[in-house]
Amino acid sequence: MFQLAADTANTGAVGYLYTYGPLVLMFVVLYFLLIRPQQKRQKTRNQMLSSLKKGDKVTTIGGLHGIIMEITDDICVLRVNDVTKLTFDRSAINAVSQTAKE
């Protein structure tokens, strides 16, 4: 009778491991495959946005190419051609093509 109670207690602990083990494993795999790489991409994007300066050739999220004429904390004015200047949010910049030559 006492042996049966001990076997049931051990089986319960192992049962929890088999029940929650795959869930924990799935969370760990998802973290390393999805969450962590996204955090790295976001960090490099924030570094790129903070390092923007006047004269940089950039591409917006919509695919517009231009040169930064003015830049503030949240606004960026791009020169598209000799006459046209367009104002964008700083977060609308997707990539830097070339850095400014000093």
PDB file of N, CA and C in Angstrom:
ATOM      1  N   MET A   1       0.815  -1.185   0.000  1.00  0.00           N
ATOM      2  CA  MET A   1       0.000   0.000   0.000  1.00  0.00           C
ATOM      3  C   MET A   1       0.863   1.255   0.000  1.00  0.00           C
ATOM      4  N   PHE A   2       1.909   1.253   0.811  1.00  0.00           N
ATOM      5  CA  PHE A   2       2.788   2.417   0.838  1.00  0.00           C
ATOM      6  C   PHE A   2       3.632   2.518  -0.429  1.00  0.00           C
ATOM      7  N   GLN A   3       3.973   1.390  -0.980  1.00  0.00           N
ATOM      8  CA  GLN A   3       4.735   1.372  -2.235  1.00  0.00           C
ATOM      9  C   GLN A   3       3.919   1.963  -3.376  1.00  0.00           C
ATOM     10  N   LEU A   4       2.653   1.706  -3.415  1.00  0.00           N
ATOM     11  CA  LEU A   4       1.769   2.231  -4.452  1.00  0.00           C
ATOM     12  C   LEU A   4       1.709   3.756  -4.390  1.00  0.00           C
ATOM     13  N   ALA A   5       1.655   4.327  -3.195  1.00  0.00           N
ATOM     14  CA  ALA A   5       1.625   5.794  -3.039  1.00  0.00           C
ATOM     15  C   ALA A   5       2.940   6.408  -3.508  1.00  0.00           C
ATOM     16  N   ALA A   6       4.066   5.783  -3.245  1.00  0.00           N
ATOM     17  CA  ALA A   6       5.369   6.294  -3.678  1.00  0.00           C
ATOM     18  C   ALA A   6       5.490   6.235  -5.194  1.00  0.00           C
ATOM     19  N   ASP A   7       5.002   5.155  -5.813  1.00  0.00           N
ATOM     20  CA  ASP A   7       5.033   5.033  -7.263  1.00  0.00           C
ATOM     21  C   ASP A   7       4.163   6.113  -7.914  1.00  0.00           C
ATOM     22  N   THR A   8       3.033   6.399  -7.322  1.00  0.00           N
ATOM     23  CA  THR A   8       2.136   7.430  -7.859  1.00  0.00           C
ATOM     24  C   THR A   8       2.778   8.806  -7.770  1.00  0.00           C
ATOM     25  N   ALA A   9       3.490   9.109  -6.699  1.00  0.00           N
ATOM     26  CA  ALA A   9       4.150  10.406  -6.539  1.00  0.00           C
ATOM     27  C   ALA A   9       5.264  10.570  -7.571  1.00  0.00           C
ATOM     28  N   ASN A  10       6.050   9.528  -7.807  1.00  0.00           N
ATOM     29  CA  ASN A  10       7.114   9.604  -8.805  1.00  0.00           C
ATOM     30  C   ASN A  10       6.547   9.739 -10.212  1.00  0.00           C
ATOM     31  N   THR A  11       5.483   9.023 -10.497  1.00  0.00           N
ATOM     32  CA  THR A  11       4.857   9.098 -11.805  1.00  0.00           C
ATOM     33  C   THR A  11       4.291  10.485 -12.052  1.00  0.00           C
ATOM     34  N   GLY A  12       3.760  11.139 -11.020  1.00  0.00           N
ATOM     35  CA  GLY A  12       3.230  12.495 -11.155  1.00  0.00           C
ATOM     36  C   GLY A  12       4.310  13.489 -11.534  1.00  0.00           C
ATOM     37  N   ALA A  13       5.484  13.395 -10.929  1.00  0.00           N
ATOM     38  CA  ALA A  13       6.580  14.310 -11.236  1.00  0.00           C
ATOM     39  C   ALA A  13       7.065  14.105 -12.668  1.00  0.00           C
ATOM     40  N   VAL A  14       7.176  12.865 -13.077  1.00  0.00           N
ATOM     41  CA  VAL A  14       7.607  12.564 -14.440  1.00  0.00           C
ATOM     42  C   VAL A  14       6.519  12.990 -15.427  1.00  0.00           C
ATOM     43  N   GLY A  15       5.278  12.843 -15.048  1.00  0.00           N
ATOM     44  CA  GLY A  15       4.159  13.260 -15.894  1.00  0.00           C
ATOM     45  C   GLY A  15       4.195  14.754 -16.183  1.00  0.00           C
ATOM     46  N   TYR A  16       4.525  15.551 -15.169  1.00  0.00           N
ATOM     47  CA  TYR A  16       4.642  17.001 -15.377  1.00  0.00           C
ATOM     48  C   TYR A  16       5.774  17.323 -16.349  1.00  0.00           C
ATOM     49  N   LEU A  17       6.859  16.574 -16.236  1.00  0.00           N
ATOM     50  CA  LEU A  17       7.986  16.787 -17.145  1.00  0.00           C
ATOM     51  C   LEU A  17       7.581  16.496 -18.585  1.00  0.00           C
ATOM     52  N   TYR A  18       6.861  15.409 -18.789  1.00  0.00           N
ATOM     53  CA  TYR A  18       6.408  15.069 -20.144  1.00  0.00           C
ATOM     54  C   TYR A  18       5.330  16.029 -20.642  1.00  0.00           C
ATOM     55  N   THR A  19       4.580  16.623 -19.736  1.00  0.00           N
ATOM     56  CA  THR A  19       3.510  17.545 -20.130  1.00  0.00           C
ATOM     57  C   THR A  19       4.060  18.926 -20.464  1.00  0.00           C
ATOM     58  N   TYR A  20       4.889  19.471 -19.580  1.00  0.00           N
ATOM     59  CA  TYR A  20       5.357  20.842 -19.750  1.00  0.00           C
ATOM     60  C   TYR A  20       6.709  20.941 -20.444  1.00  0.00           C
ATOM     61  N   GLY A  21       7.436  19.860 -20.527  1.00  0.00           N
ATOM     62  CA  GLY A  21       8.743  19.865 -21.187  1.00  0.00           C
ATOM     63  C   GLY A  21       8.675  20.312 -22.638  1.00  0.00           C
ATOM     64  N   PRO A  22       7.778  19.732 -23.458  1.00  0.00           N
ATOM     65  CA  PRO A  22       7.682  20.175 -24.857  1.00  0.00           C
ATOM     66  C   PRO A  22       7.269  21.641 -24.997  1.00  0.00           C
ATOM     67  N   LEU A  23       6.430  22.140 -24.098  1.00  0.00           N
ATOM     68  CA  LEU A  23       6.034  23.553 -24.151  1.00  0.00           C
ATOM     69  C   LEU A  23       7.236  24.464 -23.884  1.00  0.00           C
ATOM     70  N   VAL A  24       8.018  24.111 -22.888  1.00  0.00           N
ATOM     71  CA  VAL A  24       9.208  24.892 -22.574  1.00  0.00           C
ATOM     72  C   VAL A  24      10.203  24.819 -23.729  1.00  0.00           C
ATOM     73  N   LEU A  25      10.374  23.645 -24.288  1.00  0.00           N
ATOM     74  CA  LEU A  25      11.278  23.472 -25.422  1.00  0.00           C
ATOM     75  C   LEU A  25      10.827  24.302 -26.625  1.00  0.00           C
ATOM     76  N   MET A  26       9.511  24.311 -26.904  1.00  0.00           N
ATOM     77  CA  MET A  26       8.989  25.116 -28.020  1.00  0.00           C
ATOM     78  C   MET A  26       9.242  26.601 -27.781  1.00  0.00           C
ATOM     79  N   PHE A  27       9.054  27.078 -26.560  1.00  0.00           N
ATOM     80  CA  PHE A  27       9.310  28.486 -26.254  1.00  0.00           C
ATOM     81  C   PHE A  27      10.774  28.836 -26.466  1.00  0.00           C
ATOM     82  N   VAL A  28      11.673  27.977 -26.033  1.00  0.00           N
ATOM     83  CA  VAL A  28      13.109  28.222 -26.199  1.00  0.00           C
ATOM     84  C   VAL A  28      13.476  28.270 -27.682  1.00  0.00           C
ATOM     85  N   VAL A  29      12.948  27.337 -28.462  1.00  0.00           N
ATOM     86  CA  VAL A  29      13.228  27.306 -29.901  1.00  0.00           C
ATOM     87  C   VAL A  29      12.673  28.554 -30.579  1.00  0.00           C
ATOM     88  N   LEU A  30      11.445  28.940 -30.250  1.00  0.00           N
ATOM     89  CA  LEU A  30      10.855  30.149 -30.837  1.00  0.00           C
ATOM     90  C   LEU A  30      11.645  31.388 -30.458  1.00  0.00           C
ATOM     91  N   TYR A  31      12.138  31.443 -29.229  1.00  0.00           N
ATOM     92  CA  TYR A  31      12.932  32.595 -28.802  1.00  0.00           C
ATOM     93  C   TYR A  31      14.184  32.730 -29.663  1.00  0.00           C
ATOM     94  N   PHE A  32      14.902  31.636 -29.849  1.00  0.00           N
ATOM     95  CA  PHE A  32      16.157  31.711 -30.596  1.00  0.00           C
ATOM     96  C   PHE A  32      15.953  31.829 -32.103  1.00  0.00           C
ATOM     97  N   LEU A  33      14.819  31.360 -32.636  1.00  0.00           N
ATOM     98  CA  LEU A  33      14.585  31.440 -34.073  1.00  0.00           C
ATOM     99  C   LEU A  33      13.823  32.695 -34.501  1.00  0.00           C
ATOM    100  N   LEU A  34      12.988  33.255 -33.640  1.00  0.00           N
ATOM    101  CA  LEU A  34      12.151  34.384 -34.038  1.00  0.00           C
ATOM    102  C   LEU A  34      12.414  35.656 -33.249  1.00  0.00           C
ATOM    103  N   ILE A  35      12.366  35.575 -31.947  1.00  0.00           N
ATOM    104  CA  ILE A  35      12.409  36.782 -31.122  1.00  0.00           C
ATOM    105  C   ILE A  35      13.800  37.400 -31.106  1.00  0.00           C
ATOM    106  N   ARG A  36      14.815  36.620 -30.871  1.00  0.00           N
ATOM    107  CA  ARG A  36      16.174  37.148 -30.755  1.00  0.00           C
ATOM    108  C   ARG A  36      16.679  37.775 -32.060  1.00  0.00           C
ATOM    109  N   PRO A  37      16.496  37.139 -33.226  1.00  0.00           N
ATOM    110  CA  PRO A  37      16.921  37.797 -34.462  1.00  0.00           C
ATOM    111  C   PRO A  37      16.163  39.101 -34.731  1.00  0.00           C
ATOM    112  N   GLN A  38      14.875  39.156 -34.388  1.00  0.00           N
ATOM    113  CA  GLN A  38      14.112  40.382 -34.580  1.00  0.00           C
ATOM    114  C   GLN A  38      14.654  41.492 -33.685  1.00  0.00           C
ATOM    115  N   GLN A  39      15.042  41.179 -32.466  1.00  0.00           N
ATOM    116  CA  GLN A  39      15.628  42.172 -31.578  1.00  0.00           C
ATOM    117  C   GLN A  39      16.947  42.692 -32.133  1.00  0.00           C
ATOM    118  N   LYS A  40      17.747  41.812 -32.729  1.00  0.00           N
ATOM    119  CA  LYS A  40      19.015  42.243 -33.326  1.00  0.00           C
ATOM    120  C   LYS A  40      18.774  43.164 -34.514  1.00  0.00           C
ATOM    121  N   ARG A  41      17.790  42.812 -35.382  1.00  0.00           N
ATOM    122  CA  ARG A  41      17.469  43.679 -36.524  1.00  0.00           C
ATOM    123  C   ARG A  41      16.985  45.039 -36.060  1.00  0.00           C
ATOM    124  N   GLN A  42      16.159  45.069 -35.014  1.00  0.00           N
ATOM    125  CA  GLN A  42      15.639  46.331 -34.496  1.00  0.00           C
ATOM    126  C   GLN A  42      16.773  47.178 -33.923  1.00  0.00           C
ATOM    127  N   LYS A  43      17.720  46.553 -33.268  1.00  0.00           N
ATOM    128  CA  LYS A  43      18.858  47.273 -32.697  1.00  0.00           C
ATOM    129  C   LYS A  43      19.712  47.899 -33.800  1.00  0.00           C
ATOM    130  N   THR A  44      19.999  47.145 -34.870  1.00  0.00           N
ATOM    131  CA  THR A  44      20.804  47.703 -35.957  1.00  0.00           C
ATOM    132  C   THR A  44      20.047  48.807 -36.693  1.00  0.00           C
ATOM    133  N   ARG A  45      18.715  48.676 -36.824  1.00  0.00           N
ATOM    134  CA  ARG A  45      17.915  49.739 -37.458  1.00  0.00           C
ATOM    135  C   ARG A  45      17.948  51.008 -36.618  1.00  0.00           C
ATOM    136  N   ASN A  46      17.808  50.875 -35.303  1.00  0.00           N
ATOM    137  CA  ASN A  46      17.857  52.047 -34.434  1.00  0.00           C
ATOM    138  C   ASN A  46      19.224  52.719 -34.495  1.00  0.00           C
ATOM    139  N   GLN A  47      20.295  51.933 -34.582  1.00  0.00           N
ATOM    140  CA  GLN A  47      21.634  52.507 -34.715  1.00  0.00           C
ATOM    141  C   GLN A  47      21.772  53.253 -36.039  1.00  0.00           C
ATOM    142  N   MET A  48      21.220  52.689 -37.116  1.00  0.00           N
ATOM    143  CA  MET A  48      21.273  53.338 -38.425  1.00  0.00           C
ATOM    144  C   MET A  48      20.504  54.656 -38.390  1.00  0.00           C
ATOM    145  N   LEU A  49      19.313  54.650 -37.791  1.00  0.00           N
ATOM    146  CA  LEU A  49      18.509  55.870 -37.733  1.00  0.00           C
ATOM    147  C   LEU A  49      19.170  56.946 -36.878  1.00  0.00           C
ATOM    148  N   SER A  50      19.836  56.552 -35.812  1.00  0.00           N
ATOM    149  CA  SER A  50      20.483  57.543 -34.953  1.00  0.00           C
ATOM    150  C   SER A  50      21.762  58.098 -35.577  1.00  0.00           C
ATOM    151  N   SER A  51      22.361  57.378 -36.529  1.00  0.00           N
ATOM    152  CA  SER A  51      23.605  57.840 -37.131  1.00  0.00           C
ATOM    153  C   SER A  51      23.383  58.610 -38.438  1.00  0.00           C
ATOM    154  N   LEU A  52      22.130  58.860 -38.813  1.00  0.00           N
ATOM    155  CA  LEU A  52      21.864  59.627 -40.036  1.00  0.00           C
ATOM    156  C   LEU A  52      22.390  61.048 -39.892  1.00  0.00           C
ATOM    157  N   LYS A  53      22.912  61.582 -40.993  1.00  0.00           N
ATOM    158  CA  LYS A  53      23.406  62.960 -40.970  1.00  0.00           C
ATOM    159  C   LYS A  53      23.174  63.613 -42.322  1.00  0.00           C
ATOM    160  N   LYS A  54      23.299  64.899 -42.346  1.00  0.00           N
ATOM    161  CA  LYS A  54      23.085  65.682 -43.559  1.00  0.00           C
ATOM    162  C   LYS A  54      24.050  65.223 -44.648  1.00  0.00           C
ATOM    163  N   GLY A  55      23.509  65.008 -45.849  1.00  0.00           N
ATOM    164  CA  GLY A  55      24.331  64.598 -46.980  1.00  0.00           C
ATOM    165  C   GLY A  55      24.295  63.104 -47.261  1.00  0.00           C
ATOM    166  N   ASP A  56      23.731  62.314 -46.369  1.00  0.00           N
ATOM    167  CA  ASP A  56      23.639  60.869 -46.594  1.00  0.00           C
ATOM    168  C   ASP A  56      22.648  60.567 -47.715  1.00  0.00           C
ATOM    169  N   LYS A  57      23.013  59.640 -48.592  1.00  0.00           N
ATOM    170  CA  LYS A  57      22.076  59.142 -49.605  1.00  0.00           C
ATOM    171  C   LYS A  57      21.283  58.024 -48.970  1.00  0.00           C
ATOM    172  N   VAL A  58      19.946  58.154 -48.989  1.00  0.00           N
ATOM    173  CA  VAL A  58      19.094  57.199 -48.301  1.00  0.00           C
ATOM    174  C   VAL A  58      17.978  56.714 -49.212  1.00  0.00           C
ATOM    175  N   THR A  59      17.344  55.629 -48.789  1.00  0.00           N
ATOM    176  CA  THR A  59      16.159  55.087 -49.435  1.00  0.00           C
ATOM    177  C   THR A  59      15.065  55.009 -48.380  1.00  0.00           C
ATOM    178  N   THR A  60      13.868  55.469 -48.723  1.00  0.00           N
ATOM    179  CA  THR A  60      12.756  55.405 -47.784  1.00  0.00           C
ATOM    180  C   THR A  60      12.100  54.034 -47.841  1.00  0.00           C
ATOM    181  N   ILE A  61      11.175  53.805 -46.950  1.00  0.00           N
ATOM    182  CA  ILE A  61      10.438  52.542 -46.927  1.00  0.00           C
ATOM    183  C   ILE A  61       9.651  52.363 -48.216  1.00  0.00           C
ATOM    184  N   GLY A  62       9.181  53.469 -48.798  1.00  0.00           N
ATOM    185  CA  GLY A  62       8.423  53.405 -50.047  1.00  0.00           C
ATOM    186  C   GLY A  62       9.287  53.268 -51.283  1.00  0.00           C
ATOM    187  N   GLY A  63      10.610  53.301 -51.133  1.00  0.00           N
ATOM    188  CA  GLY A  63      11.506  53.118 -52.269  1.00  0.00           C
ATOM    189  C   GLY A  63      12.013  54.409 -52.883  1.00  0.00           C
ATOM    190  N   LEU A  64      11.726  55.550 -52.278  1.00  0.00           N
ATOM    191  CA  LEU A  64      12.181  56.838 -52.802  1.00  0.00           C
ATOM    192  C   LEU A  64      13.643  57.059 -52.414  1.00  0.00           C
ATOM    193  N   HIS A  65      14.463  57.430 -53.393  1.00  0.00           N
ATOM    194  CA  HIS A  65      15.874  57.692 -53.159  1.00  0.00           C
ATOM    195  C   HIS A  65      16.086  59.188 -53.068  1.00  0.00           C
ATOM    196  N   GLY A  66      16.904  59.617 -52.122  1.00  0.00           N
ATOM    197  CA  GLY A  66      17.181  61.035 -51.976  1.00  0.00           C
ATOM    198  C   GLY A  66      18.383  61.271 -51.091  1.00  0.00           C
ATOM    199  N   ILE A  67      18.727  62.554 -50.951  1.00  0.00           N
ATOM    200  CA  ILE A  67      19.850  62.974 -50.123  1.00  0.00           C
ATOM    201  C   ILE A  67      19.289  63.818 -48.987  1.00  0.00           C
ATOM    202  N   ILE A  68      19.754  63.568 -47.782  1.00  0.00           N
ATOM    203  CA  ILE A  68      19.263  64.295 -46.618  1.00  0.00           C
ATOM    204  C   ILE A  68      19.769  65.738 -46.679  1.00  0.00           C
ATOM    205  N   MET A  69      18.830  66.671 -46.664  1.00  0.00           N
ATOM    206  CA  MET A  69      19.170  68.092 -46.657  1.00  0.00           C
ATOM    207  C   MET A  69      19.098  68.665 -45.241  1.00  0.00           C
ATOM    208  N   GLU A  70      18.075  68.293 -44.503  1.00  0.00           N
ATOM    209  CA  GLU A  70      17.896  68.730 -43.113  1.00  0.00           C
ATOM    210  C   GLU A  70      17.432  67.534 -42.306  1.00  0.00           C
ATOM    211  N   ILE A  71      17.834  67.491 -41.050  1.00  0.00           N
ATOM    212  CA  ILE A  71      17.412  66.380 -40.201  1.00  0.00           C
ATOM    213  C   ILE A  71      17.260  66.879 -38.774  1.00  0.00           C
ATOM    214  N   THR A  72      16.154  66.484 -38.135  1.00  0.00           N
ATOM    215  CA  THR A  72      15.924  66.768 -36.724  1.00  0.00           C
ATOM    216  C   THR A  72      15.699  65.440 -36.016  1.00  0.00           C
ATOM    217  N   ASP A  73      15.189  65.512 -34.789  1.00  0.00           N
ATOM    218  CA  ASP A  73      14.975  64.282 -34.028  1.00  0.00           C
ATOM    219  C   ASP A  73      13.951  63.361 -34.672  1.00  0.00           C
ATOM    220  N   ASP A  74      12.921  63.943 -35.312  1.00  0.00           N
ATOM    221  CA  ASP A  74      11.889  63.078 -35.877  1.00  0.00           C
ATOM    222  C   ASP A  74      11.487  63.434 -37.303  1.00  0.00           C
ATOM    223  N   ILE A  75      12.094  64.429 -37.910  1.00  0.00           N
ATOM    224  CA  ILE A  75      11.771  64.848 -39.278  1.00  0.00           C
ATOM    225  C   ILE A  75      13.040  64.823 -40.119  1.00  0.00           C
ATOM    226  N   CYS A  76      12.869  64.433 -41.388  1.00  0.00           N
ATOM    227  CA  CYS A  76      13.983  64.358 -42.327  1.00  0.00           C
ATOM    228  C   CYS A  76      13.530  64.960 -43.654  1.00  0.00           C
ATOM    229  N   VAL A  77      14.266  65.945 -44.171  1.00  0.00           N
ATOM    230  CA  VAL A  77      13.953  66.563 -45.458  1.00  0.00           C
ATOM    231  C   VAL A  77      14.923  65.991 -46.482  1.00  0.00           C
ATOM    232  N   LEU A  78      14.362  65.385 -47.541  1.00  0.00           N
ATOM    233  CA  LEU A  78      15.170  64.767 -48.581  1.00  0.00           C
ATOM    234  C   LEU A  78      15.102  65.577 -49.860  1.00  0.00           C
ATOM    235  N   ARG A  79      16.244  65.726 -50.529  1.00  0.00           N
ATOM    236  CA  ARG A  79      16.273  66.317 -51.866  1.00  0.00           C
ATOM    237  C   ARG A  79      16.209  65.171 -52.860  1.00  0.00           C
ATOM    238  N   VAL A  80      15.153  65.186 -53.669  1.00  0.00           N
ATOM    239  CA  VAL A  80      14.941  64.111 -54.626  1.00  0.00           C
ATOM    240  C   VAL A  80      15.621  64.445 -55.948  1.00  0.00           C
ATOM    241  N   ASN A  81      15.470  65.669 -56.404  1.00  0.00           N
ATOM    242  CA  ASN A  81      16.181  66.144 -57.590  1.00  0.00           C
ATOM    243  C   ASN A  81      16.603  67.583 -57.317  1.00  0.00           C
ATOM    244  N   ASP A  82      16.992  68.336 -58.332  1.00  0.00           N
ATOM    245  CA  ASP A  82      17.506  69.684 -58.107  1.00  0.00           C
ATOM    246  C   ASP A  82      16.478  70.626 -57.501  1.00  0.00           C
ATOM    247  N   VAL A  83      15.210  70.375 -57.728  1.00  0.00           N
ATOM    248  CA  VAL A  83      14.161  71.297 -57.297  1.00  0.00           C
ATOM    249  C   VAL A  83      13.330  70.744 -56.143  1.00  0.00           C
ATOM    250  N   THR A  84      13.079  69.455 -56.109  1.00  0.00           N
ATOM    251  CA  THR A  84      12.105  68.857 -55.207  1.00  0.00           C
ATOM    252  C   THR A  84      12.724  68.465 -53.871  1.00  0.00           C
ATOM    253  N   LYS A  85      12.092  68.948 -52.795  1.00  0.00           N
ATOM    254  CA  LYS A  85      12.449  68.537 -51.441  1.00  0.00           C
ATOM    255  C   LYS A  85      11.197  67.962 -50.798  1.00  0.00           C
ATOM    256  N   LEU A  86      11.332  66.793 -50.191  1.00  0.00           N
ATOM    257  CA  LEU A  86      10.212  66.120 -49.545  1.00  0.00           C
ATOM    258  C   LEU A  86      10.528  65.896 -48.077  1.00  0.00           C
ATOM    259  N   THR A  87       9.494  66.026 -47.231  1.00  0.00           N
ATOM    260  CA  THR A  87       9.653  65.850 -45.791  1.00  0.00           C
ATOM    261  C   THR A  87       9.102  64.487 -45.382  1.00  0.00           C
ATOM    262  N   PHE A  88       9.893  63.747 -44.620  1.00  0.00           N
ATOM    263  CA  PHE A  88       9.519  62.414 -44.141  1.00  0.00           C
ATOM    264  C   PHE A  88       9.776  62.332 -42.642  1.00  0.00           C
ATOM    265  N   ASP A  89       9.102  61.386 -42.008  1.00  0.00           N
ATOM    266  CA  ASP A  89       9.469  61.035 -40.642  1.00  0.00           C
ATOM    267  C   ASP A  89      10.820  60.337 -40.687  1.00  0.00           C
ATOM    268  N   ARG A  90      11.583  60.509 -39.638  1.00  0.00           N
ATOM    269  CA  ARG A  90      12.897  59.859 -39.593  1.00  0.00           C
ATOM    270  C   ARG A  90      12.740  58.332 -39.656  1.00  0.00           C
ATOM    271  N   SER A  91      11.673  57.820 -39.086  1.00  0.00           N
ATOM    272  CA  SER A  91      11.461  56.372 -39.069  1.00  0.00           C
ATOM    273  C   SER A  91      11.105  55.821 -40.451  1.00  0.00           C
ATOM    274  N   ALA A  92      10.819  56.690 -41.433  1.00  0.00           N
ATOM    275  CA  ALA A  92      10.501  56.242 -42.789  1.00  0.00           C
ATOM    276  C   ALA A  92      11.750  55.920 -43.601  1.00  0.00           C
ATOM    277  N   ILE A  93      12.920  56.206 -43.060  1.00  0.00           N
ATOM    278  CA  ILE A  93      14.166  55.883 -43.756  1.00  0.00           C
ATOM    279  C   ILE A  93      14.428  54.391 -43.597  1.00  0.00           C
ATOM    280  N   ASN A  94      14.652  53.729 -44.727  1.00  0.00           N
ATOM    281  CA  ASN A  94      14.852  52.281 -44.717  1.00  0.00           C
ATOM    282  C   ASN A  94      16.329  51.898 -44.740  1.00  0.00           C
ATOM    283  N   ALA A  95      17.122  52.590 -45.542  1.00  0.00           N
ATOM    284  CA  ALA A  95      18.526  52.210 -45.674  1.00  0.00           C
ATOM    285  C   ALA A  95      19.354  53.417 -46.100  1.00  0.00           C
ATOM    286  N   VAL A  96      20.634  53.358 -45.766  1.00  0.00           N
ATOM    287  CA  VAL A  96      21.589  54.372 -46.193  1.00  0.00           C
ATOM    288  C   VAL A  96      22.397  53.785 -47.337  1.00  0.00           C
ATOM    289  N   SER A  97      22.379  54.480 -48.505  1.00  0.00           N
ATOM    290  CA  SER A  97      23.123  53.995 -49.660  1.00  0.00           C
ATOM    291  C   SER A  97      24.588  54.354 -49.569  1.00  0.00           C
ATOM    292  N   GLN A  98      24.843  55.627 -49.277  1.00  0.00           N
ATOM    293  CA  GLN A  98      26.212  56.111 -49.127  1.00  0.00           C
ATOM    294  C   GLN A  98      26.225  57.104 -47.982  1.00  0.00           C
ATOM    295  N   THR A  99      27.346  57.166 -47.280  1.00  0.00           N
ATOM    296  CA  THR A  99      27.467  58.149 -46.222  1.00  0.00           C
ATOM    297  C   THR A  99      28.001  59.444 -46.810  1.00  0.00           C
ATOM    298  N   ALA A 100      27.804  60.523 -46.064  1.00  0.00           N
ATOM    299  CA  ALA A 100      28.267  61.830 -46.514  1.00  0.00           C
ATOM    300  C   ALA A 100      29.781  61.875 -46.545  1.00  0.00           C
ATOM    301  N   LYS A 101      30.320  62.565 -47.526  1.00  0.00           N
ATOM    302  CA  LYS A 101      31.777  62.732 -47.613  1.00  0.00           C
ATOM    303  C   LYS A 101      32.147  64.006 -46.880  1.00  0.00           C
ATOM    304  N   GLU A 102      33.065  63.865 -45.945  1.00  0.00           N
ATOM    305  CA  GLU A 102      33.457  65.027 -45.147  1.00  0.00           C
ATOM    306  C   GLU A 102      34.741  65.622 -45.647  1.00  0.00           C
TER     307      GLU A 102
END
